[in-house]
Amino acid sequence: MSGRESLRFGHEDRRRIYQYVERRGSATLGELERELRIDPGGLRHHVAILKRDGRIEADESGSYRVSLDGGEREEHRSEDVEFAIRPARQEDLAGIVGAIRQVAEAGTYIVAETVADEIDHQDALLRHNEIESRMFFVATVGEEVVGWVHIHGSELEKLSHTAELTVGVIDEYRGDGIGSHLLNRGLEWAGSQGYERVYQSVPATNEEAIAFLEEQGWETEAVREDHYKINGHYADEVMMAIRLP
């Protein structure tokens, strides 16, 4: 689906199908028929309309998932590694959770750790409903997810111009430019969706992340003293943001 369009479906069964797929992450025709008890002919008709309107798409296994237009796969090469940046798929969920947990294990990326908990608990990677939108891009080396960028925005009118972003790369692949490519891809997508301001918060102890964001043009907007308690010690929260053209 291009842009953050209003979720109007024109038929109650169509809305139910979309909501089921969105909440579960993916669903097969058989599962939709069994769980929603919609006549098979009507179900296929409504699925076809949802596909035509760009709200859902079929993956390689034939399951349906929410469609958020993230663009094409990009191939990159540094001196040491070849990697790809692409929109995440539902089947990347475990790899993304693993990468986030590895990056966050030192306790210096609290927001990202929370994101990992949410998607792991919900078992749904991409979200687009009346309340929120959630998009992921991943960096992969071969089939391994080695980094991610996550953009989370509100659909509420008063907050619809802002989005929260997290980005990270596992230790083994830092220093190859992967983080910069991920960040740029995430910001490009956020701009294409109409977001005007993107922000993220990190503990003051995560000096590497703060320096990286400052190099990319982010600015510190506020500091909340002793907002985090990490390994028994208090740490300030540094709230950083960037305005999109």
C-alpha atoms as a PDB file:
ATOM      1  CA  MET A   1       0.000   0.000   0.000  1.00  0.00           C
ATOM      2  CA  SER A   2       1.505   3.288  -1.072  1.00  0.00           C
ATOM      3  CA  GLY A   3       1.279   6.011   1.555  1.00  0.00           C
ATOM      4  CA  ARG A   4      -0.643   5.866   4.801  1.00  0.00           C
ATOM      5  CA  GLU A   5      -4.101   5.648   3.330  1.00  0.00           C
ATOM      6  CA  SER A   6      -7.278   5.698   5.378  1.00  0.00           C
ATOM      7  CA  LEU A   7      -8.419   2.170   6.166  1.00  0.00           C
ATOM      8  CA  ARG A   8     -11.813   2.066   4.478  1.00  0.00           C
ATOM      9  CA  PHE A   9     -12.842  -1.343   3.204  1.00  0.00           C
ATOM     10  CA  GLY A  10     -16.369  -1.006   1.847  1.00  0.00           C
ATOM     11  CA  HIS A  11     -17.466  -4.358   3.297  1.00  0.00           C
ATOM     12  CA  GLU A  12     -17.431  -5.789   6.815  1.00  0.00           C
ATOM     13  CA  ASP A  13     -15.992  -9.162   5.732  1.00  0.00           C
ATOM     14  CA  ARG A  14     -13.172  -7.358   3.913  1.00  0.00           C
ATOM     15  CA  ARG A  15     -12.347  -5.452   7.081  1.00  0.00           C
ATOM     16  CA  ARG A  16     -12.381  -8.684   9.120  1.00  0.00           C
ATOM     17  CA  ILE A  17     -10.022 -10.411   6.680  1.00  0.00           C
ATOM     18  CA  TYR A  18      -7.553  -7.522   6.732  1.00  0.00           C
ATOM     19  CA  GLN A  19      -7.644  -7.226  10.515  1.00  0.00           C
ATOM     20  CA  TYR A  20      -7.037 -10.953  10.954  1.00  0.00           C
ATOM     21  CA  VAL A  21      -4.032 -10.922   8.611  1.00  0.00           C
ATOM     22  CA  GLU A  22      -2.662  -7.722  10.182  1.00  0.00           C
ATOM     23  CA  ARG A  23      -2.908  -9.020  13.733  1.00  0.00           C
ATOM     24  CA  ARG A  24      -1.537 -12.497  12.967  1.00  0.00           C
ATOM     25  CA  GLY A  25       1.252 -11.411  10.632  1.00  0.00           C
ATOM     26  CA  SER A  26       0.132 -13.830   7.918  1.00  0.00           C
ATOM     27  CA  ALA A  27      -2.689 -16.232   7.154  1.00  0.00           C
ATOM     28  CA  THR A  28      -3.616 -18.799   4.523  1.00  0.00           C
ATOM     29  CA  LEU A  29      -6.953 -18.950   2.702  1.00  0.00           C
ATOM     30  CA  GLY A  30      -7.800 -22.096   4.639  1.00  0.00           C
ATOM     31  CA  GLU A  31      -7.087 -20.420   7.955  1.00  0.00           C
ATOM     32  CA  LEU A  32      -9.181 -17.382   7.009  1.00  0.00           C
ATOM     33  CA  GLU A  33     -12.076 -19.597   5.957  1.00  0.00           C
ATOM     34  CA  ARG A  34     -11.881 -21.674   9.125  1.00  0.00           C
ATOM     35  CA  GLU A  35     -11.427 -18.836  11.607  1.00  0.00           C
ATOM     36  CA  LEU A  36     -13.666 -16.180  10.049  1.00  0.00           C
ATOM     37  CA  ARG A  37     -16.340 -18.566   8.708  1.00  0.00           C
ATOM     38  CA  ILE A  38     -16.775 -16.656   5.475  1.00  0.00           C
ATOM     39  CA  ASP A  39     -18.228 -18.444   2.441  1.00  0.00           C
ATOM     40  CA  PRO A  40     -15.268 -19.652   0.296  1.00  0.00           C
ATOM     41  CA  GLY A  41     -16.507 -17.855  -2.810  1.00  0.00           C
ATOM     42  CA  GLY A  42     -17.035 -14.608  -0.944  1.00  0.00           C
ATOM     43  CA  LEU A  43     -13.712 -14.996   0.836  1.00  0.00           C
ATOM     44  CA  ARG A  44     -11.772 -15.303  -2.420  1.00  0.00           C
ATOM     45  CA  HIS A  45     -13.640 -12.312  -3.831  1.00  0.00           C
ATOM     46  CA  HIS A  46     -12.760 -10.123  -0.860  1.00  0.00           C
ATOM     47  CA  VAL A  47      -9.137 -11.326  -0.813  1.00  0.00           C
ATOM     48  CA  ALA A  48      -8.849 -10.482  -4.515  1.00  0.00           C
ATOM     49  CA  ILE A  49     -10.127  -6.950  -3.849  1.00  0.00           C
ATOM     50  CA  LEU A  50      -7.743  -6.488  -0.916  1.00  0.00           C
ATOM     51  CA  LYS A  51      -4.880  -7.608  -3.161  1.00  0.00           C
ATOM     52  CA  ARG A  52      -6.013  -5.326  -5.986  1.00  0.00           C
ATOM     53  CA  ASP A  53      -6.133  -2.366  -3.598  1.00  0.00           C
ATOM     54  CA  GLY A  54      -2.617  -3.105  -2.342  1.00  0.00           C
ATOM     55  CA  ARG A  55      -3.676  -3.857   1.216  1.00  0.00           C
ATOM     56  CA  ILE A  56      -2.449  -7.458   1.356  1.00  0.00           C
ATOM     57  CA  GLU A  57      -0.097  -9.590  -0.727  1.00  0.00           C
ATOM     58  CA  ALA A  58       0.753 -13.266  -1.032  1.00  0.00           C
ATOM     59  CA  ASP A  59       4.174 -14.572  -0.059  1.00  0.00           C
ATOM     60  CA  GLU A  60       6.040 -17.455  -1.684  1.00  0.00           C
ATOM     61  CA  SER A  61       4.145 -20.029   0.389  1.00  0.00           C
ATOM     62  CA  GLY A  62       0.752 -18.635  -0.595  1.00  0.00           C
ATOM     63  CA  SER A  63       0.045 -17.033   2.776  1.00  0.00           C
ATOM     64  CA  TYR A  64      -1.259 -13.476   2.884  1.00  0.00           C
ATOM     65  CA  ARG A  65       0.329 -10.586   4.770  1.00  0.00           C
ATOM     66  CA  VAL A  66      -0.102  -6.837   5.056  1.00  0.00           C
ATOM     67  CA  SER A  67       1.370  -4.996   2.076  1.00  0.00           C
ATOM     68  CA  LEU A  68       3.508  -1.957   2.864  1.00  0.00           C
ATOM     69  CA  ASP A  69       5.413  -0.688  -0.163  1.00  0.00           C
ATOM     70  CA  GLY A  70       9.053  -0.635   0.895  1.00  0.00           C
ATOM     71  CA  GLY A  71      10.681  -0.533  -2.524  1.00  0.00           C
ATOM     72  CA  GLU A  72      13.222  -2.878  -4.011  1.00  0.00           C
ATOM     73  CA  ARG A  73      16.140  -4.897  -2.692  1.00  0.00           C
ATOM     74  CA  GLU A  74      19.475  -3.036  -2.855  1.00  0.00           C
ATOM     75  CA  GLU A  75      22.854  -4.745  -3.196  1.00  0.00           C
ATOM     76  CA  HIS A  76      25.932  -3.173  -1.591  1.00  0.00           C
ATOM     77  CA  ARG A  77      29.587  -4.033  -1.237  1.00  0.00           C
ATOM     78  CA  SER A  78      32.199  -2.741   1.206  1.00  0.00           C
ATOM     79  CA  GLU A  79      35.861  -3.694   1.340  1.00  0.00           C
ATOM     80  CA  ASP A  80      35.067  -6.708   3.501  1.00  0.00           C
ATOM     81  CA  VAL A  81      31.503  -7.811   2.850  1.00  0.00           C
ATOM     82  CA  GLU A  82      28.650  -7.942   0.379  1.00  0.00           C
ATOM     83  CA  PHE A  83      25.240  -7.210   1.855  1.00  0.00           C
ATOM     84  CA  ALA A  84      21.674  -6.419   0.827  1.00  0.00           C
ATOM     85  CA  ILE A  85      19.163  -3.918   2.200  1.00  0.00           C
ATOM     86  CA  ARG A  86      15.527  -4.872   1.611  1.00  0.00           C
ATOM     87  CA  PRO A  87      12.038  -4.584   3.086  1.00  0.00           C
ATOM     88  CA  ALA A  88      11.532  -7.123   5.837  1.00  0.00           C
ATOM     89  CA  ARG A  89       9.159 -10.045   5.465  1.00  0.00           C
ATOM     90  CA  GLN A  90       7.156 -11.846   8.120  1.00  0.00           C
ATOM     91  CA  GLU A  91       9.583 -14.776   7.930  1.00  0.00           C
ATOM     92  CA  ASP A  92      12.400 -12.405   9.015  1.00  0.00           C
ATOM     93  CA  LEU A  93      10.805 -11.980  12.447  1.00  0.00           C
ATOM     94  CA  ALA A  94      13.043 -14.459  14.281  1.00  0.00           C
ATOM     95  CA  GLY A  95      16.185 -13.080  12.626  1.00  0.00           C
ATOM     96  CA  ILE A  96      15.248  -9.501  13.513  1.00  0.00           C
ATOM     97  CA  VAL A  97      14.471 -10.394  17.124  1.00  0.00           C
ATOM     98  CA  GLY A  98      17.811 -12.203  17.368  1.00  0.00           C
ATOM     99  CA  ALA A  99      19.743  -9.258  15.893  1.00  0.00           C
ATOM    100  CA  ILE A 100      18.026  -6.738  18.166  1.00  0.00           C
ATOM    101  CA  ARG A 101      18.648  -8.845  21.260  1.00  0.00           C
ATOM    102  CA  GLN A 102      22.310  -9.235  20.349  1.00  0.00           C
ATOM    103  CA  VAL A 103      22.740  -5.479  19.867  1.00  0.00           C
ATOM    104  CA  ALA A 104      20.765  -4.693  23.029  1.00  0.00           C
ATOM    105  CA  GLU A 105      22.337  -7.273  25.317  1.00  0.00           C
ATOM    106  CA  ALA A 106      24.685  -4.696  26.861  1.00  0.00           C
ATOM    107  CA  GLY A 107      21.623  -2.844  28.159  1.00  0.00           C
ATOM    108  CA  THR A 108      22.315   0.333  26.186  1.00  0.00           C
ATOM    109  CA  TYR A 109      19.483   0.192  23.657  1.00  0.00           C
ATOM    110  CA  ILE A 110      16.317   0.071  25.716  1.00  0.00           C
ATOM    111  CA  VAL A 111      13.846   1.135  23.019  1.00  0.00           C
ATOM    112  CA  ALA A 112      15.077  -1.476  20.556  1.00  0.00           C
ATOM    113  CA  GLU A 113      14.853  -4.131  23.255  1.00  0.00           C
ATOM    114  CA  THR A 114      11.219  -3.148  23.794  1.00  0.00           C
ATOM    115  CA  VAL A 115      10.563  -3.418  20.044  1.00  0.00           C
ATOM    116  CA  ALA A 116      11.978  -6.964  20.054  1.00  0.00           C
ATOM    117  CA  ASP A 117       9.706  -7.905  22.951  1.00  0.00           C
ATOM    118  CA  GLU A 118       6.653  -6.481  21.168  1.00  0.00           C
ATOM    119  CA  ILE A 119       7.121  -8.212  17.825  1.00  0.00           C
ATOM    120  CA  ASP A 120       8.116 -11.474  19.500  1.00  0.00           C
ATOM    121  CA  HIS A 121       5.014 -11.376  21.689  1.00  0.00           C
ATOM    122  CA  GLN A 122       2.639 -10.303  18.891  1.00  0.00           C
ATOM    123  CA  ASP A 123       4.248 -12.639  16.325  1.00  0.00           C
ATOM    124  CA  ALA A 124       3.525  -9.965  13.692  1.00  0.00           C
ATOM    125  CA  LEU A 125       6.277  -7.936  12.076  1.00  0.00           C
ATOM    126  CA  LEU A 126       4.581  -5.274   9.940  1.00  0.00           C
ATOM    127  CA  ARG A 127       1.570  -3.358  11.232  1.00  0.00           C
ATOM    128  CA  HIS A 128      -0.827  -0.937   9.612  1.00  0.00           C
ATOM    129  CA  ASN A 129      -4.114  -0.213  11.347  1.00  0.00           C
ATOM    130  CA  GLU A 130      -6.150   2.717  12.618  1.00  0.00           C
ATOM    131  CA  ILE A 131      -3.712   3.281  15.496  1.00  0.00           C
ATOM    132  CA  GLU A 132      -0.203   2.584  14.233  1.00  0.00           C
ATOM    133  CA  SER A 133       2.101   1.743  11.337  1.00  0.00           C
ATOM    134  CA  ARG A 134       5.255  -0.338  11.735  1.00  0.00           C
ATOM    135  CA  MET A 135       7.820  -0.975   9.015  1.00  0.00           C
ATOM    136  CA  PHE A 136      11.131  -2.841   9.032  1.00  0.00           C
ATOM    137  CA  PHE A 137      14.030  -3.013   6.614  1.00  0.00           C
ATOM    138  CA  VAL A 138      16.799  -5.548   7.102  1.00  0.00           C
ATOM    139  CA  ALA A 139      20.417  -5.886   6.142  1.00  0.00           C
ATOM    140  CA  THR A 140      21.342  -9.426   5.151  1.00  0.00           C
ATOM    141  CA  VAL A 141      24.611 -11.206   4.434  1.00  0.00           C
ATOM    142  CA  GLY A 142      23.626 -14.312   2.550  1.00  0.00           C
ATOM    143  CA  GLU A 143      20.444 -15.349   4.346  1.00  0.00           C
ATOM    144  CA  GLU A 144      21.489 -13.991   7.759  1.00  0.00           C
ATOM    145  CA  VAL A 145      19.846 -10.867   9.166  1.00  0.00           C
ATOM    146  CA  VAL A 146      22.760  -8.754  10.424  1.00  0.00           C
ATOM    147  CA  GLY A 147      20.985  -5.438  10.989  1.00  0.00           C
ATOM    148  CA  TRP A 148      17.634  -3.699  10.949  1.00  0.00           C
ATOM    149  CA  VAL A 149      15.919  -0.350  10.834  1.00  0.00           C
ATOM    150  CA  HIS A 150      12.457  -0.013  12.320  1.00  0.00           C
ATOM    151  CA  ILE A 151      10.038   2.876  11.830  1.00  0.00           C
ATOM    152  CA  HIS A 152       7.000   3.137  14.059  1.00  0.00           C
ATOM    153  CA  GLY A 153       4.413   5.835  13.486  1.00  0.00           C
ATOM    154  CA  SER A 154       1.080   6.817  14.954  1.00  0.00           C
ATOM    155  CA  GLU A 155      -2.034   7.108  12.805  1.00  0.00           C
ATOM    156  CA  LEU A 156      -3.586   9.509  15.313  1.00  0.00           C
ATOM    157  CA  GLU A 157      -3.942  12.887  13.601  1.00  0.00           C
ATOM    158  CA  LYS A 158      -2.097  14.920  16.236  1.00  0.00           C
ATOM    159  CA  LEU A 159       0.933  12.601  16.061  1.00  0.00           C
ATOM    160  CA  SER A 160       0.777  11.521  12.422  1.00  0.00           C
ATOM    161  CA  HIS A 161       3.700  13.758  11.394  1.00  0.00           C
ATOM    162  CA  THR A 162       6.185  11.993  13.700  1.00  0.00           C
ATOM    163  CA  ALA A 163       7.733   8.531  13.784  1.00  0.00           C
ATOM    164  CA  GLU A 164      10.129   6.680  16.062  1.00  0.00           C
ATOM    165  CA  LEU A 165      13.130   4.868  14.588  1.00  0.00           C
ATOM    166  CA  THR A 166      15.535   2.249  15.834  1.00  0.00           C
ATOM    167  CA  VAL A 167      18.535   0.969  13.897  1.00  0.00           C
ATOM    168  CA  GLY A 168      21.306  -1.456  14.679  1.00  0.00           C
ATOM    169  CA  VAL A 169      23.925  -3.823  13.285  1.00  0.00           C
ATOM    170  CA  ILE A 170      25.392  -6.841  15.067  1.00  0.00           C
ATOM    171  CA  ASP A 171      28.992  -6.477  16.257  1.00  0.00           C
ATOM    172  CA  GLU A 172      30.560  -8.678  13.601  1.00  0.00           C
ATOM    173  CA  TYR A 173      29.418  -6.411  10.754  1.00  0.00           C
ATOM    174  CA  ARG A 174      29.934  -2.959  12.203  1.00  0.00           C
ATOM    175  CA  GLY A 175      32.282  -0.610  10.393  1.00  0.00           C
ATOM    176  CA  ASP A 176      31.159  -1.673   6.899  1.00  0.00           C
ATOM    177  CA  GLY A 177      28.654   1.141   6.333  1.00  0.00           C
ATOM    178  CA  ILE A 178      25.655  -1.115   6.904  1.00  0.00           C
ATOM    179  CA  GLY A 179      24.203   1.092   9.632  1.00  0.00           C
ATOM    180  CA  SER A 180      24.347   4.211   7.444  1.00  0.00           C
ATOM    181  CA  HIS A 181      22.631   2.425   4.555  1.00  0.00           C
ATOM    182  CA  LEU A 182      19.900   1.130   6.864  1.00  0.00           C
ATOM    183  CA  LEU A 183      19.341   4.532   8.434  1.00  0.00           C
ATOM    184  CA  ASN A 184      19.098   6.252   5.064  1.00  0.00           C
ATOM    185  CA  ARG A 185      16.664   3.620   3.759  1.00  0.00           C
ATOM    186  CA  GLY A 186      14.467   4.024   6.811  1.00  0.00           C
ATOM    187  CA  LEU A 187      14.427   7.816   6.574  1.00  0.00           C
ATOM    188  CA  GLU A 188      13.676   7.708   2.844  1.00  0.00           C
ATOM    189  CA  TRP A 189      10.689   5.476   3.523  1.00  0.00           C
ATOM    190  CA  ALA A 190       9.502   7.682   6.395  1.00  0.00           C
ATOM    191  CA  GLY A 191       9.666  10.739   4.145  1.00  0.00           C
ATOM    192  CA  SER A 192       7.725   8.960   1.398  1.00  0.00           C
ATOM    193  CA  GLN A 193       4.960   8.212   3.920  1.00  0.00           C
ATOM    194  CA  GLY A 194       4.569  11.859   4.891  1.00  0.00           C
ATOM    195  CA  TYR A 195       6.400  11.838   8.203  1.00  0.00           C
ATOM    196  CA  GLU A 196       8.051  15.180   8.920  1.00  0.00           C
ATOM    197  CA  ARG A 197      10.092  14.397  12.017  1.00  0.00           C
ATOM    198  CA  VAL A 198      11.754  11.174  13.137  1.00  0.00           C
ATOM    199  CA  TYR A 199      13.101  10.635  16.629  1.00  0.00           C
ATOM    200  CA  GLN A 200      14.754   8.072  18.848  1.00  0.00           C
ATOM    201  CA  SER A 201      15.943   7.896  22.417  1.00  0.00           C
ATOM    202  CA  VAL A 202      19.097   6.237  23.748  1.00  0.00           C
ATOM    203  CA  PRO A 203      20.806   6.116  27.128  1.00  0.00           C
ATOM    204  CA  ALA A 204      23.599   8.671  27.535  1.00  0.00           C
ATOM    205  CA  THR A 205      25.917   5.729  28.183  1.00  0.00           C
ATOM    206  CA  ASN A 206      25.528   4.629  24.537  1.00  0.00           C
ATOM    207  CA  GLU A 207      28.094   7.126  23.287  1.00  0.00           C
ATOM    208  CA  GLU A 208      28.718   5.184  20.070  1.00  0.00           C
ATOM    209  CA  ALA A 209      25.064   5.450  19.003  1.00  0.00           C
ATOM    210  CA  ILE A 210      24.870   9.149  19.873  1.00  0.00           C
ATOM    211  CA  ALA A 211      28.030   9.907  17.884  1.00  0.00           C
ATOM    212  CA  PHE A 212      26.720   7.903  14.907  1.00  0.00           C
ATOM    213  CA  LEU A 213      23.424   9.803  14.853  1.00  0.00           C
ATOM    214  CA  GLU A 214      25.146  13.166  15.199  1.00  0.00           C
ATOM    215  CA  GLU A 215      27.326  12.305  12.197  1.00  0.00           C
ATOM    216  CA  GLN A 216      24.114  11.621  10.254  1.00  0.00           C
ATOM    217  CA  GLY A 217      22.656  15.040  11.091  1.00  0.00           C
ATOM    218  CA  TRP A 218      20.537  14.178  14.133  1.00  0.00           C
ATOM    219  CA  GLU A 219      20.287  16.681  16.978  1.00  0.00           C
ATOM    220  CA  THR A 220      19.712  16.277  20.705  1.00  0.00           C
ATOM    221  CA  GLU A 221      16.380  17.846  21.602  1.00  0.00           C
ATOM    222  CA  ALA A 222      16.182  17.006  25.292  1.00  0.00           C
ATOM    223  CA  VAL A 223      17.801  15.018  28.074  1.00  0.00           C
ATOM    224  CA  ARG A 224      15.828  13.325  30.844  1.00  0.00           C
ATOM    225  CA  GLU A 225      17.992  12.813  33.878  1.00  0.00           C
ATOM    226  CA  ASP A 226      18.194   9.350  35.444  1.00  0.00           C
ATOM    227  CA  HIS A 227      15.441   8.026  33.173  1.00  0.00           C
ATOM    228  CA  TYR A 228      16.997   4.558  32.892  1.00  0.00           C
ATOM    229  CA  LYS A 229      18.378   2.229  35.516  1.00  0.00           C
ATOM    230  CA  ILE A 230      20.926  -0.073  33.896  1.00  0.00           C
ATOM    231  CA  ASN A 231      22.704  -2.735  35.935  1.00  0.00           C
ATOM    232  CA  GLY A 232      21.863  -0.869  39.109  1.00  0.00           C
ATOM    233  CA  HIS A 233      23.083   2.510  37.850  1.00  0.00           C
ATOM    234  CA  TYR A 234      21.000   5.467  36.688  1.00  0.00           C
ATOM    235  CA  ALA A 235      21.524   6.839  33.192  1.00  0.00           C
ATOM    236  CA  ASP A 236      20.111   9.869  31.384  1.00  0.00           C
ATOM    237  CA  GLU A 237      17.889   9.468  28.330  1.00  0.00           C
ATOM    238  CA  VAL A 238      19.109  11.413  25.285  1.00  0.00           C
ATOM    239  CA  MET A 239      16.182  12.285  23.014  1.00  0.00           C
ATOM    240  CA  MET A 240      17.383  12.856  19.437  1.00  0.00           C
ATOM    241  CA  ALA A 241      15.514  13.837  16.281  1.00  0.00           C
ATOM    242  CA  ILE A 242      15.898  14.773  12.633  1.00  0.00           C
ATOM    243  CA  ARG A 243      13.544  16.752  10.414  1.00  0.00           C
ATOM    244  CA  LEU A 244      12.820  15.351   6.979  1.00  0.00           C
ATOM    245  CA  PRO A 245      12.783  17.534   3.861  1.00  0.00           C
END
